[in-house]
Amino acid sequence: KVDFTFVGLPNIAYTDASLDKKVANITIRFDAEVVSATRDADGNLVEGDAEKVVNIADEWTFSKNPKSRDPNWKLVGTNQIS
């Protein structure tokens, strides 16, 4: 069993952006605070800490055709920083 609690998102920042004729890309860094613990079938802690807030960071890259009428961006990549 995994116990997971999202605590907050203290920082969001763009880290990269590019544009060519057919594709616009933007990379966003998300710094999140979470509590995560994994327990076995008997309820014993196997991984993590159910009482400790930890910081994790991810970068997500989104893409879209700048000439498209569709306002939605497509998630094309993720990268775990920590």
PDB file of N, CA and C in Angstrom:
ATOM      1  N   LYS A   1       0.848  -1.171   0.000  1.00  0.00           N
ATOM      2  CA  LYS A   1       0.000   0.000   0.000  1.00  0.00           C
ATOM      3  C   LYS A   1       0.897   1.238   0.000  1.00  0.00           C
ATOM      4  N   VAL A   2       0.526   2.204  -0.803  1.00  0.00           N
ATOM      5  CA  VAL A   2       1.268   3.462  -0.857  1.00  0.00           C
ATOM      6  C   VAL A   2       0.398   4.566  -0.267  1.00  0.00           C
ATOM      7  N   ASP A   3       0.935   5.249   0.728  1.00  0.00           N
ATOM      8  CA  ASP A   3       0.290   6.438   1.287  1.00  0.00           C
ATOM      9  C   ASP A   3       0.996   7.640   0.689  1.00  0.00           C
ATOM     10  N   PHE A   4       0.246   8.511   0.029  1.00  0.00           N
ATOM     11  CA  PHE A   4       0.842   9.664  -0.640  1.00  0.00           C
ATOM     12  C   PHE A   4      -0.005  10.891  -0.358  1.00  0.00           C
ATOM     13  N   THR A   5       0.650  11.958   0.100  1.00  0.00           N
ATOM     14  CA  THR A   5      -0.036  13.220   0.352  1.00  0.00           C
ATOM     15  C   THR A   5       0.712  14.338  -0.344  1.00  0.00           C
ATOM     16  N   PHE A   6       0.001  15.076  -1.178  1.00  0.00           N
ATOM     17  CA  PHE A   6       0.561  16.261  -1.819  1.00  0.00           C
ATOM     18  C   PHE A   6       0.420  17.411  -0.835  1.00  0.00           C
ATOM     19  N   VAL A   7       1.539  18.051  -0.465  1.00  0.00           N
ATOM     20  CA  VAL A   7       1.531  19.128   0.521  1.00  0.00           C
ATOM     21  C   VAL A   7       1.461  20.485  -0.157  1.00  0.00           C
ATOM     22  N   GLY A   8       2.317  20.720  -1.136  1.00  0.00           N
ATOM     23  CA  GLY A   8       2.305  22.020  -1.794  1.00  0.00           C
ATOM     24  C   GLY A   8       3.245  22.085  -2.977  1.00  0.00           C
ATOM     25  N   LEU A   9       3.163  23.223  -3.652  1.00  0.00           N
ATOM     26  CA  LEU A   9       3.970  23.493  -4.840  1.00  0.00           C
ATOM     27  C   LEU A   9       4.621  24.857  -4.634  1.00  0.00           C
ATOM     28  N   PRO A  10       5.729  24.914  -3.857  1.00  0.00           N
ATOM     29  CA  PRO A  10       6.309  26.209  -3.511  1.00  0.00           C
ATOM     30  C   PRO A  10       6.979  26.945  -4.668  1.00  0.00           C
ATOM     31  N   ASN A  11       7.294  26.229  -5.749  1.00  0.00           N
ATOM     32  CA  ASN A  11       7.977  26.895  -6.858  1.00  0.00           C
ATOM     33  C   ASN A  11       7.598  26.257  -8.188  1.00  0.00           C
ATOM     34  N   ILE A  12       7.254  27.118  -9.142  1.00  0.00           N
ATOM     35  CA  ILE A  12       7.043  26.712 -10.532  1.00  0.00           C
ATOM     36  C   ILE A  12       7.780  27.742 -11.383  1.00  0.00           C
ATOM     37  N   ALA A  13       8.621  27.274 -12.296  1.00  0.00           N
ATOM     38  CA  ALA A  13       9.379  28.214 -13.132  1.00  0.00           C
ATOM     39  C   ALA A  13       9.639  27.587 -14.492  1.00  0.00           C
ATOM     40  N   TYR A  14       9.637  28.416 -15.531  1.00  0.00           N
ATOM     41  CA  TYR A  14      10.017  27.862 -16.829  1.00  0.00           C
ATOM     42  C   TYR A  14      11.533  27.865 -16.912  1.00  0.00           C
ATOM     43  N   THR A  15      12.074  26.791 -17.480  1.00  0.00           N
ATOM     44  CA  THR A  15      13.527  26.641 -17.543  1.00  0.00           C
ATOM     45  C   THR A  15      14.064  26.681 -18.963  1.00  0.00           C
ATOM     46  N   ASP A  16      13.172  26.496 -19.949  1.00  0.00           N
ATOM     47  CA  ASP A  16      13.627  26.530 -21.334  1.00  0.00           C
ATOM     48  C   ASP A  16      12.427  26.773 -22.239  1.00  0.00           C
ATOM     49  N   ALA A  17      12.680  27.425 -23.348  1.00  0.00           N
ATOM     50  CA  ALA A  17      11.645  27.636 -24.359  1.00  0.00           C
ATOM     51  C   ALA A  17      12.318  27.721 -25.717  1.00  0.00           C
ATOM     52  N   SER A  18      11.642  27.190 -26.731  1.00  0.00           N
ATOM     53  CA  SER A  18      12.173  27.268 -28.089  1.00  0.00           C
ATOM     54  C   SER A  18      11.008  27.365 -29.069  1.00  0.00           C
ATOM     55  N   LEU A  19      11.314  27.912 -30.237  1.00  0.00           N
ATOM     56  CA  LEU A  19      10.298  28.078 -31.261  1.00  0.00           C
ATOM     57  C   LEU A  19      10.945  27.914 -32.623  1.00  0.00           C
ATOM     58  N   ASP A  20      10.352  27.071 -33.448  1.00  0.00           N
ATOM     59  CA  ASP A  20      10.746  27.024 -34.849  1.00  0.00           C
ATOM     60  C   ASP A  20       9.463  27.121 -35.675  1.00  0.00           C
ATOM     61  N   LYS A  21       9.534  26.867 -36.944  1.00  0.00           N
ATOM     62  CA  LYS A  21       8.375  27.075 -37.817  1.00  0.00           C
ATOM     63  C   LYS A  21       7.180  26.190 -37.466  1.00  0.00           C
ATOM     64  N   LYS A  22       7.442  24.989 -36.965  1.00  0.00           N
ATOM     65  CA  LYS A  22       6.353  24.045 -36.740  1.00  0.00           C
ATOM     66  C   LYS A  22       6.066  23.717 -35.285  1.00  0.00           C
ATOM     67  N   VAL A  23       6.995  23.998 -34.388  1.00  0.00           N
ATOM     68  CA  VAL A  23       6.825  23.555 -33.007  1.00  0.00           C
ATOM     69  C   VAL A  23       7.310  24.610 -32.018  1.00  0.00           C
ATOM     70  N   ALA A  24       6.471  24.855 -31.012  1.00  0.00           N
ATOM     71  CA  ALA A  24       6.880  25.659 -29.859  1.00  0.00           C
ATOM     72  C   ALA A  24       7.020  24.694 -28.683  1.00  0.00           C
ATOM     73  N   ASN A  25       8.114  24.805 -27.947  1.00  0.00           N
ATOM     74  CA  ASN A  25       8.352  23.967 -26.770  1.00  0.00           C
ATOM     75  C   ASN A  25       8.604  24.859 -25.569  1.00  0.00           C
ATOM     76  N   ILE A  26       8.098  24.424 -24.422  1.00  0.00           N
ATOM     77  CA  ILE A  26       8.410  25.114 -23.178  1.00  0.00           C
ATOM     78  C   ILE A  26       8.623  24.050 -22.104  1.00  0.00           C
ATOM     79  N   THR A  27       9.653  24.252 -21.289  1.00  0.00           N
ATOM     80  CA  THR A  27       9.949  23.331 -20.198  1.00  0.00           C
ATOM     81  C   THR A  27       9.710  24.055 -18.882  1.00  0.00           C
ATOM     82  N   ILE A  28       8.926  23.413 -18.024  1.00  0.00           N
ATOM     83  CA  ILE A  28       8.538  23.976 -16.735  1.00  0.00           C
ATOM     84  C   ILE A  28       9.107  23.101 -15.626  1.00  0.00           C
ATOM     85  N   ARG A  29       9.688  23.738 -14.609  1.00  0.00           N
ATOM     86  CA  ARG A  29      10.169  23.012 -13.430  1.00  0.00           C
ATOM     87  C   ARG A  29       9.134  23.158 -12.326  1.00  0.00           C
ATOM     88  N   PHE A  30       8.765  22.020 -11.745  1.00  0.00           N
ATOM     89  CA  PHE A  30       7.836  21.983 -10.620  1.00  0.00           C
ATOM     90  C   PHE A  30       8.594  21.486  -9.395  1.00  0.00           C
ATOM     91  N   ASP A  31       8.658  22.294  -8.349  1.00  0.00           N
ATOM     92  CA  ASP A  31       9.208  21.863  -7.064  1.00  0.00           C
ATOM     93  C   ASP A  31       8.014  21.580  -6.157  1.00  0.00           C
ATOM     94  N   ALA A  32       7.891  20.338  -5.708  1.00  0.00           N
ATOM     95  CA  ALA A  32       6.734  19.929  -4.918  1.00  0.00           C
ATOM     96  C   ALA A  32       7.166  19.414  -3.550  1.00  0.00           C
ATOM     97  N   GLU A  33       6.250  19.528  -2.608  1.00  0.00           N
ATOM     98  CA  GLU A  33       6.432  18.975  -1.272  1.00  0.00           C
ATOM     99  C   GLU A  33       5.407  17.857  -1.104  1.00  0.00           C
ATOM    100  N   VAL A  34       5.895  16.670  -0.737  1.00  0.00           N
ATOM    101  CA  VAL A  34       5.017  15.506  -0.614  1.00  0.00           C
ATOM    102  C   VAL A  34       5.394  14.677   0.610  1.00  0.00           C
ATOM    103  N   VAL A  35       4.449  13.856   1.045  1.00  0.00           N
ATOM    104  CA  VAL A  35       4.695  12.836   2.060  1.00  0.00           C
ATOM    105  C   VAL A  35       4.377  11.506   1.389  1.00  0.00           C
ATOM    106  N   SER A  36       5.324  10.576   1.441  1.00  0.00           N
ATOM    107  CA  SER A  36       5.129   9.300   0.760  1.00  0.00           C
ATOM    108  C   SER A  36       5.674   8.159   1.613  1.00  0.00           C
ATOM    109  N   ALA A  37       4.862   7.110   1.740  1.00  0.00           N
ATOM    110  CA  ALA A  37       5.285   5.923   2.479  1.00  0.00           C
ATOM    111  C   ALA A  37       4.684   4.692   1.817  1.00  0.00           C
ATOM    112  N   THR A  38       5.490   3.648   1.706  1.00  0.00           N
ATOM    113  CA  THR A  38       5.022   2.376   1.157  1.00  0.00           C
ATOM    114  C   THR A  38       5.033   1.344   2.275  1.00  0.00           C
ATOM    115  N   ARG A  39       3.928   0.611   2.382  1.00  0.00           N
ATOM    116  CA  ARG A  39       3.794  -0.399   3.437  1.00  0.00           C
ATOM    117  C   ARG A  39       3.548  -1.772   2.812  1.00  0.00           C
ATOM    118  N   ASP A  40       4.012  -2.812   3.499  1.00  0.00           N
ATOM    119  CA  ASP A  40       3.748  -4.171   3.025  1.00  0.00           C
ATOM    120  C   ASP A  40       2.340  -4.598   3.446  1.00  0.00           C
ATOM    121  N   ALA A  41       1.979  -5.849   3.162  1.00  0.00           N
ATOM    122  CA  ALA A  41       0.633  -6.350   3.451  1.00  0.00           C
ATOM    123  C   ALA A  41       0.303  -6.334   4.942  1.00  0.00           C
ATOM    124  N   ASP A  42       1.337  -6.378   5.792  1.00  0.00           N
ATOM    125  CA  ASP A  42       1.122  -6.347   7.241  1.00  0.00           C
ATOM    126  C   ASP A  42       1.119  -4.933   7.805  1.00  0.00           C
ATOM    127  N   GLY A  43       1.307  -3.935   6.946  1.00  0.00           N
ATOM    128  CA  GLY A  43       1.304  -2.547   7.404  1.00  0.00           C
ATOM    129  C   GLY A  43       2.656  -2.033   7.847  1.00  0.00           C
ATOM    130  N   ASN A  44       3.706  -2.830   7.675  1.00  0.00           N
ATOM    131  CA  ASN A  44       5.051  -2.404   8.052  1.00  0.00           C
ATOM    132  C   ASN A  44       5.612  -1.457   6.998  1.00  0.00           C
ATOM    133  N   LEU A  45       6.286  -0.427   7.447  1.00  0.00           N
ATOM    134  CA  LEU A  45       6.895   0.541   6.542  1.00  0.00           C
ATOM    135  C   LEU A  45       8.027  -0.119   5.758  1.00  0.00           C
ATOM    136  N   VAL A  46       7.958  -0.025   4.435  1.00  0.00           N
ATOM    137  CA  VAL A  46       8.967  -0.617   3.566  1.00  0.00           C
ATOM    138  C   VAL A  46       9.859   0.467   2.976  1.00  0.00           C
ATOM    139  N   GLU A  47       9.256   1.611   2.654  1.00  0.00           N
ATOM    140  CA  GLU A  47      10.007   2.692   2.020  1.00  0.00           C
ATOM    141  C   GLU A  47       9.344   4.018   2.364  1.00  0.00           C
ATOM    142  N   GLY A  48      10.169   5.073   2.471  1.00  0.00           N
ATOM    143  CA  GLY A  48       9.641   6.407   2.731  1.00  0.00           C
ATOM    144  C   GLY A  48       9.446   6.674   4.207  1.00  0.00           C
ATOM    145  N   ASP A  49       8.651   7.705   4.504  1.00  0.00           N
ATOM    146  CA  ASP A  49       8.388   8.116   5.878  1.00  0.00           C
ATOM    147  C   ASP A  49       7.025   8.795   5.908  1.00  0.00           C
ATOM    148  N   ALA A  50       6.091   8.213   6.621  1.00  0.00           N
ATOM    149  CA  ALA A  50       4.718   8.726   6.665  1.00  0.00           C
ATOM    150  C   ALA A  50       4.595  10.040   7.425  1.00  0.00           C
ATOM    151  N   GLU A  51       5.666  10.472   8.082  1.00  0.00           N
ATOM    152  CA  GLU A  51       5.620  11.698   8.878  1.00  0.00           C
ATOM    153  C   GLU A  51       6.497  12.818   8.319  1.00  0.00           C
ATOM    154  N   LYS A  52       7.269  12.545   7.278  1.00  0.00           N
ATOM    155  CA  LYS A  52       8.260  13.510   6.800  1.00  0.00           C
ATOM    156  C   LYS A  52       7.881  14.086   5.439  1.00  0.00           C
ATOM    157  N   VAL A  53       7.884  15.411   5.357  1.00  0.00           N
ATOM    158  CA  VAL A  53       7.668  16.095   4.082  1.00  0.00           C
ATOM    159  C   VAL A  53       8.994  16.110   3.328  1.00  0.00           C
ATOM    160  N   VAL A  54       8.966  15.669   2.074  1.00  0.00           N
ATOM    161  CA  VAL A  54      10.169  15.685   1.239  1.00  0.00           C
ATOM    162  C   VAL A  54       9.925  16.553   0.012  1.00  0.00           C
ATOM    163  N   ASN A  55      10.997  17.104  -0.502  1.00  0.00           N
ATOM    164  CA  ASN A  55      10.927  17.936  -1.702  1.00  0.00           C
ATOM    165  C   ASN A  55      11.308  17.097  -2.915  1.00  0.00           C
ATOM    166  N   ILE A  56      10.524  17.220  -3.969  1.00  0.00           N
ATOM    167  CA  ILE A  56      10.850  16.575  -5.236  1.00  0.00           C
ATOM    168  C   ILE A  56      10.766  17.624  -6.337  1.00  0.00           C
ATOM    169  N   ALA A  57      11.544  17.433  -7.371  1.00  0.00           N
ATOM    170  CA  ALA A  57      11.544  18.384  -8.487  1.00  0.00           C
ATOM    171  C   ALA A  57      11.448  17.619  -9.800  1.00  0.00           C
ATOM    172  N   ASP A  58      10.577  18.086 -10.660  1.00  0.00           N
ATOM    173  CA  ASP A  58      10.399  17.520 -11.996  1.00  0.00           C
ATOM    174  C   ASP A  58      10.435  18.643 -13.017  1.00  0.00           C
ATOM    175  N   GLU A  59      10.894  18.310 -14.214  1.00  0.00           N
ATOM    176  CA  GLU A  59      10.753  19.209 -15.362  1.00  0.00           C
ATOM    177  C   GLU A  59       9.820  18.540 -16.360  1.00  0.00           C
ATOM    178  N   TRP A  60       8.839  19.287 -16.819  1.00  0.00           N
ATOM    179  CA  TRP A  60       7.898  18.801 -17.828  1.00  0.00           C
ATOM    180  C   TRP A  60       8.047  19.657 -19.063  1.00  0.00           C
ATOM    181  N   THR A  61       8.101  19.019 -20.229  1.00  0.00           N
ATOM    182  CA  THR A  61       8.199  19.747 -21.493  1.00  0.00           C
ATOM    183  C   THR A  61       6.885  19.602 -22.259  1.00  0.00           C
ATOM    184  N   PHE A  62       6.367  20.751 -22.683  1.00  0.00           N
ATOM    185  CA  PHE A  62       5.115  20.819 -23.430  1.00  0.00           C
ATOM    186  C   PHE A  62       5.407  21.341 -24.830  1.00  0.00           C
ATOM    187  N   SER A  63       4.598  20.899 -25.797  1.00  0.00           N
ATOM    188  CA  SER A  63       4.815  21.269 -27.190  1.00  0.00           C
ATOM    189  C   SER A  63       3.481  21.587 -27.854  1.00  0.00           C
ATOM    190  N   LYS A  64       3.545  22.483 -28.853  1.00  0.00           N
ATOM    191  CA  LYS A  64       2.356  22.769 -29.652  1.00  0.00           C
ATOM    192  C   LYS A  64       2.764  23.437 -30.937  1.00  0.00           C
ATOM    193  N   ASN A  65       1.925  23.300 -31.950  1.00  0.00           N
ATOM    194  CA  ASN A  65       2.124  24.000 -33.210  1.00  0.00           C
ATOM    195  C   ASN A  65       1.624  25.427 -33.011  1.00  0.00           C
ATOM    196  N   PRO A  66       2.496  26.426 -33.169  1.00  0.00           N
ATOM    197  CA  PRO A  66       2.074  27.807 -32.913  1.00  0.00           C
ATOM    198  C   PRO A  66       1.017  28.314 -33.891  1.00  0.00           C
ATOM    199  N   LYS A  67       0.865  27.646 -35.017  1.00  0.00           N
ATOM    200  CA  LYS A  67      -0.139  28.065 -35.999  1.00  0.00           C
ATOM    201  C   LYS A  67      -1.484  27.365 -35.804  1.00  0.00           C
ATOM    202  N   SER A  68      -1.521  26.409 -34.905  1.00  0.00           N
ATOM    203  CA  SER A  68      -2.744  25.656 -34.662  1.00  0.00           C
ATOM    204  C   SER A  68      -3.773  26.510 -33.925  1.00  0.00           C
ATOM    205  N   ARG A  69      -5.026  26.276 -34.221  1.00  0.00           N
ATOM    206  CA  ARG A  69      -6.105  26.970 -33.516  1.00  0.00           C
ATOM    207  C   ARG A  69      -6.412  26.284 -32.189  1.00  0.00           C
ATOM    208  N   ASP A  70      -5.880  25.084 -32.012  1.00  0.00           N
ATOM    209  CA  ASP A  70      -6.069  24.345 -30.764  1.00  0.00           C
ATOM    210  C   ASP A  70      -5.232  25.009 -29.670  1.00  0.00           C
ATOM    211  N   PRO A  71      -5.843  25.465 -28.578  1.00  0.00           N
ATOM    212  CA  PRO A  71      -5.090  26.160 -27.533  1.00  0.00           C
ATOM    213  C   PRO A  71      -4.310  25.221 -26.607  1.00  0.00           C
ATOM    214  N   ASN A  72      -4.529  23.921 -26.729  1.00  0.00           N
ATOM    215  CA  ASN A  72      -3.927  22.958 -25.809  1.00  0.00           C
ATOM    216  C   ASN A  72      -2.483  22.631 -26.169  1.00  0.00           C
ATOM    217  N   TRP A  73      -1.671  22.476 -25.119  1.00  0.00           N
ATOM    218  CA  TRP A  73      -0.285  22.045 -25.258  1.00  0.00           C
ATOM    219  C   TRP A  73      -0.225  20.554 -24.948  1.00  0.00           C
ATOM    220  N   LYS A  74       0.682  19.835 -25.619  1.00  0.00           N
ATOM    221  CA  LYS A  74       0.850  18.398 -25.425  1.00  0.00           C
ATOM    222  C   LYS A  74       2.078  18.149 -24.557  1.00  0.00           C
ATOM    223  N   LEU A  75       1.928  17.307 -23.538  1.00  0.00           N
ATOM    224  CA  LEU A  75       3.065  16.906 -22.712  1.00  0.00           C
ATOM    225  C   LEU A  75       3.907  15.930 -23.519  1.00  0.00           C
ATOM    226  N   VAL A  76       5.179  16.298 -23.788  1.00  0.00           N
ATOM    227  CA  VAL A  76       6.041  15.462 -24.632  1.00  0.00           C
ATOM    228  C   VAL A  76       7.233  14.876 -23.884  1.00  0.00           C
ATOM    229  N   GLY A  77       7.441  15.287 -22.624  1.00  0.00           N
ATOM    230  CA  GLY A  77       8.558  14.730 -21.878  1.00  0.00           C
ATOM    231  C   GLY A  77       8.527  15.124 -20.421  1.00  0.00           C
ATOM    232  N   THR A  78       9.053  14.241 -19.578  1.00  0.00           N
ATOM    233  CA  THR A  78       9.210  14.538 -18.153  1.00  0.00           C
ATOM    234  C   THR A  78      10.598  14.096 -17.721  1.00  0.00           C
ATOM    235  N   ASN A  79      11.122  14.772 -16.716  1.00  0.00           N
ATOM    236  CA  ASN A  79      12.445  14.450 -16.201  1.00  0.00           C
ATOM    237  C   ASN A  79      12.446  14.709 -14.704  1.00  0.00           C
ATOM    238  N   GLN A  80      12.727  13.667 -13.909  1.00  0.00           N
ATOM    239  CA  GLN A  80      12.801  13.840 -12.465  1.00  0.00           C
ATOM    240  C   GLN A  80      14.164  14.418 -12.112  1.00  0.00           C
ATOM    241  N   ILE A  81      14.159  15.561 -11.428  1.00  0.00           N
ATOM    242  CA  ILE A  81      15.398  16.244 -11.051  1.00  0.00           C
ATOM    243  C   ILE A  81      15.961  15.655  -9.763  1.00  0.00           C
ATOM    244  N   SER A  82      15.099  15.397  -8.792  1.00  0.00           N
ATOM    245  CA  SER A  82      15.572  14.852  -7.512  1.00  0.00           C
ATOM    246  C   SER A  82      14.698  13.727  -7.037  1.00  0.00           C
TER     247      SER A  82
END
